[in-house]
């Protein structure tokens, strides 16, 4: 039973990874504090400074931060 569960979860993980790698848009997950936790692809200008672990606010002008917070 445990083996079947692990196999199912591995299959789902592979499927999810395939979807995220092939979607034509940039997909990211950001923590409530604004830290980038995941990004499916990096635009060429950010290849050297990978954004995972950095603040989402570092990529936008200061006058846009409140809009980004949704307040």
N, C-alpha and C. Protein backbone atom coordinates (compact mmCIF):
# COMPACT_ATOMS: atom_id res chain seq x y z
N UNK A 1 0.82 -1.19 0.00
CA UNK A 1 0.00 0.00 0.00
C UNK A 1 0.87 1.26 0.00
N UNK A 2 1.91 1.28 0.81
CA UNK A 2 2.80 2.44 0.85
C UNK A 2 3.52 2.60 -0.49
N UNK A 3 3.95 1.49 -1.07
CA UNK A 3 4.64 1.55 -2.36
C UNK A 3 3.73 2.14 -3.43
N UNK A 4 2.47 1.75 -3.45
CA UNK A 4 1.52 2.28 -4.44
C UNK A 4 1.32 3.78 -4.24
N UNK A 5 1.27 4.21 -2.99
CA UNK A 5 1.10 5.64 -2.70
C UNK A 5 2.32 6.43 -3.18
N UNK A 6 3.51 5.91 -2.91
CA UNK A 6 4.74 6.57 -3.34
C UNK A 6 4.79 6.64 -4.86
N UNK A 7 4.44 5.57 -5.54
CA UNK A 7 4.44 5.56 -7.00
C UNK A 7 3.45 6.57 -7.56
N UNK A 8 2.27 6.66 -6.96
CA UNK A 8 1.27 7.63 -7.40
C UNK A 8 1.78 9.05 -7.22
N UNK A 9 2.38 9.34 -6.06
CA UNK A 9 2.90 10.68 -5.79
C UNK A 9 4.05 11.03 -6.74
N UNK A 10 4.92 10.07 -7.02
CA UNK A 10 6.01 10.32 -7.98
C UNK A 10 5.46 10.61 -9.37
N UNK A 11 4.43 9.90 -9.75
CA UNK A 11 3.81 10.13 -11.05
C UNK A 11 3.19 11.52 -11.11
N UNK A 12 2.50 11.90 -10.06
CA UNK A 12 1.89 13.23 -10.00
C UNK A 12 2.97 14.32 -10.02
N UNK A 13 4.06 14.09 -9.34
CA UNK A 13 5.16 15.06 -9.32
C UNK A 13 5.75 15.22 -10.72
N UNK A 14 5.95 14.13 -11.41
CA UNK A 14 6.48 14.18 -12.77
C UNK A 14 5.52 14.93 -13.68
N UNK A 15 4.23 14.65 -13.57
CA UNK A 15 3.22 15.33 -14.37
C UNK A 15 3.23 16.83 -14.08
N UNK A 16 3.25 17.20 -12.82
CA UNK A 16 3.26 18.62 -12.44
C UNK A 16 4.51 19.32 -12.96
N UNK A 17 5.65 18.68 -12.84
CA UNK A 17 6.90 19.27 -13.32
C UNK A 17 6.84 19.49 -14.84
N UNK A 18 6.29 18.52 -15.56
CA UNK A 18 6.16 18.64 -17.00
C UNK A 18 5.27 19.83 -17.37
N UNK A 19 4.16 19.98 -16.67
CA UNK A 19 3.27 21.11 -16.93
C UNK A 19 3.99 22.42 -16.68
N UNK A 20 4.67 22.55 -15.56
CA UNK A 20 5.35 23.80 -15.22
C UNK A 20 6.50 24.11 -16.16
N UNK A 21 7.17 23.11 -16.68
CA UNK A 21 8.29 23.34 -17.59
C UNK A 21 7.84 23.69 -19.00
N UNK A 22 6.62 23.32 -19.37
CA UNK A 22 6.17 23.53 -20.74
C UNK A 22 5.16 24.66 -20.89
N UNK A 23 4.62 25.16 -19.81
CA UNK A 23 3.66 26.27 -19.91
C UNK A 23 4.37 27.47 -20.53
N UNK A 24 3.73 28.20 -21.43
CA UNK A 24 4.42 29.29 -22.14
C UNK A 24 4.62 30.56 -21.32
N UNK A 25 4.18 30.58 -20.10
CA UNK A 25 4.32 31.77 -19.26
C UNK A 25 5.31 31.50 -18.12
N UNK A 26 5.75 32.57 -17.50
CA UNK A 26 6.58 32.43 -16.30
C UNK A 26 5.61 32.22 -15.13
N UNK A 27 5.83 31.16 -14.38
CA UNK A 27 5.00 30.83 -13.22
C UNK A 27 5.89 30.90 -12.00
N UNK A 28 5.43 31.60 -10.97
CA UNK A 28 6.21 31.64 -9.75
C UNK A 28 5.33 31.56 -8.53
N UNK A 29 5.95 31.11 -7.43
CA UNK A 29 5.28 31.07 -6.14
C UNK A 29 6.04 32.03 -5.24
N UNK A 30 5.29 32.89 -4.57
CA UNK A 30 5.87 33.91 -3.72
C UNK A 30 5.29 33.73 -2.32
N UNK A 31 6.15 33.79 -1.30
CA UNK A 31 5.68 33.67 0.07
C UNK A 31 4.86 34.90 0.45
N UNK A 32 4.15 34.82 1.55
CA UNK A 32 3.37 35.96 2.02
C UNK A 32 4.27 37.16 2.33
N UNK A 33 5.52 36.90 2.66
CA UNK A 33 6.47 37.97 2.93
C UNK A 33 7.10 38.56 1.68
N UNK A 34 6.81 37.99 0.52
CA UNK A 34 7.32 38.52 -0.74
C UNK A 34 8.57 37.84 -1.26
N UNK A 35 8.97 36.71 -0.68
CA UNK A 35 10.16 35.99 -1.15
C UNK A 35 9.77 35.02 -2.26
N UNK A 36 10.51 35.03 -3.35
CA UNK A 36 10.26 34.11 -4.45
C UNK A 36 10.71 32.72 -4.01
N UNK A 37 9.77 31.79 -4.00
CA UNK A 37 10.05 30.42 -3.56
C UNK A 37 10.27 29.46 -4.73
N UNK A 38 9.66 29.77 -5.87
CA UNK A 38 9.75 28.89 -7.04
C UNK A 38 9.55 29.74 -8.28
N UNK A 39 10.27 29.41 -9.33
CA UNK A 39 10.02 30.01 -10.65
C UNK A 39 10.32 28.93 -11.68
N UNK A 40 9.43 28.76 -12.65
CA UNK A 40 9.58 27.67 -13.61
C UNK A 40 10.63 27.95 -14.68
N UNK A 41 10.87 29.20 -14.98
CA UNK A 41 11.94 29.55 -15.92
C UNK A 41 12.39 30.96 -15.61
N UNK A 42 13.61 31.23 -15.95
CA UNK A 42 14.20 32.53 -15.67
C UNK A 42 14.43 33.26 -17.00
N UNK A 43 14.01 34.50 -17.06
CA UNK A 43 14.25 35.30 -18.25
C UNK A 43 15.75 35.50 -18.41
N UNK A 44 16.22 35.65 -19.63
CA UNK A 44 17.67 35.72 -19.88
C UNK A 44 18.40 36.77 -19.03
N UNK A 45 17.77 37.89 -18.77
CA UNK A 45 18.44 38.94 -18.00
C UNK A 45 18.63 38.59 -16.52
N UNK A 46 18.00 37.48 -16.06
CA UNK A 46 18.13 37.08 -14.66
C UNK A 46 18.86 35.75 -14.49
N UNK A 47 19.46 35.23 -15.55
CA UNK A 47 20.14 33.94 -15.46
C UNK A 47 21.29 33.94 -14.47
N UNK A 48 22.06 35.03 -14.42
CA UNK A 48 23.20 35.09 -13.50
C UNK A 48 22.78 35.35 -12.07
N UNK A 49 21.72 36.10 -11.87
CA UNK A 49 21.20 36.38 -10.53
C UNK A 49 19.85 35.68 -10.40
N UNK A 50 19.87 34.41 -10.12
CA UNK A 50 18.62 33.64 -10.05
C UNK A 50 17.72 34.24 -8.97
N UNK A 51 16.44 34.46 -9.28
CA UNK A 51 15.55 35.15 -8.35
C UNK A 51 15.03 34.34 -7.16
N UNK A 52 15.15 33.02 -7.17
CA UNK A 52 14.64 32.23 -6.05
C UNK A 52 15.38 32.64 -4.78
N UNK A 53 14.60 32.93 -3.74
CA UNK A 53 15.16 33.37 -2.47
C UNK A 53 15.25 34.88 -2.34
N UNK A 54 14.99 35.58 -3.42
CA UNK A 54 15.05 37.05 -3.41
C UNK A 54 13.64 37.62 -3.26
N UNK A 55 13.57 38.87 -2.89
CA UNK A 55 12.29 39.55 -2.71
C UNK A 55 11.69 39.89 -4.07
N UNK A 56 10.41 39.64 -4.21
CA UNK A 56 9.70 40.00 -5.44
C UNK A 56 9.76 41.51 -5.67
N UNK A 57 9.86 42.25 -4.59
CA UNK A 57 9.88 43.71 -4.68
C UNK A 57 11.17 44.25 -5.27
N UNK A 58 12.21 43.43 -5.31
CA UNK A 58 13.47 43.85 -5.92
C UNK A 58 13.35 43.97 -7.44
N UNK A 59 12.28 43.42 -7.99
CA UNK A 59 12.09 43.41 -9.44
C UNK A 59 11.05 44.42 -9.91
N UNK A 60 10.63 45.29 -9.03
CA UNK A 60 9.61 46.29 -9.39
C UNK A 60 9.96 47.63 -8.76
N UNK A 61 9.53 48.71 -9.40
CA UNK A 61 9.78 50.04 -8.83
C UNK A 61 9.07 50.20 -7.48
N UNK A 62 9.66 50.98 -6.60
CA UNK A 62 9.13 51.17 -5.25
C UNK A 62 7.68 51.66 -5.26
N UNK A 63 7.32 52.50 -6.23
CA UNK A 63 5.96 53.02 -6.26
C UNK A 63 4.92 51.96 -6.63
N UNK A 64 5.36 50.76 -7.01
CA UNK A 64 4.44 49.67 -7.35
C UNK A 64 4.29 48.64 -6.23
N UNK A 65 5.06 48.75 -5.17
CA UNK A 65 5.04 47.74 -4.11
C UNK A 65 3.67 47.61 -3.43
N UNK A 66 3.02 48.72 -3.14
CA UNK A 66 1.70 48.64 -2.51
C UNK A 66 0.68 47.97 -3.44
N UNK A 67 0.77 48.27 -4.71
CA UNK A 67 -0.13 47.64 -5.69
C UNK A 67 0.12 46.14 -5.71
N UNK A 68 1.37 45.75 -5.65
CA UNK A 68 1.71 44.33 -5.67
C UNK A 68 1.19 43.62 -4.42
N UNK A 69 1.16 44.34 -3.30
CA UNK A 69 0.66 43.75 -2.05
C UNK A 69 -0.86 43.63 -2.06
N UNK A 70 -1.49 44.30 -3.01
CA UNK A 70 -2.95 44.22 -3.12
C UNK A 70 -3.68 45.07 -2.12
N UNK A 71 -3.02 46.08 -1.63
CA UNK A 71 -3.65 46.96 -0.64
C UNK A 71 -4.06 48.25 -1.26
